[in-house]
Amino acid sequence: MAPDIDLEELTAFIVRAKAATYVGSGKEARSSRPGAHEIPYNEGRFEYLDSYVGGSNFLGQEIVTYDGNIVWAMNYHGYLLRPDLITAAEVGAIIKASLSVLYAEGRFLGGFEHAVDGDVHSVYSDANTGDVSRFTGTERIDRDGEQVYELVYHGGLVRE
């Protein structure tokens, strides 16, 4: 049976875990699934695992366990809408730069927009509804005013 978790404590852990894994270029663990990337993070009684497949189009899941019980999970699917205007590597760099700013604010949900200037003007944005207990959202990148990338996600608390 999953224990009751303080939502503020859970949110703070998720932010630290997300910052340390994909965004922080965390070390991948050996995956039991062919072609999957798995990036774990552990802190005290909490454990986090981000597991995904693909590259320019990808699908993944994040889970959090507390004392070995799964207490939270999120699924996501991201894809390039205009591969003629942006590469997967550029998307990854924009996401890492933007989410670093969001996580520094101590959160991973809530309206957020971050402009990234380079050779072309790109804007990362995230919009969602709900809170850490139950949420849905969309992440996107616009380049020179045109949407070039999208990721949809949903998740929340897991109970038996």
Foldseek 3Di string as FASTA:
>chain_A
DADDDDQLVVFLVVLVFVCCWLLVVADWDDDPDPQKTWHWDDDPQKIKIWIWHDFQWIKIKMFMGGNRHTWKMKIKIKHWPCCVVDPSVRVSVVVSVQSVVVSVVVGDADWDKDWDDDVWIKMWIKHKDDGQAWIKIKIFMATPRHTTMIMIMIMHTDDD
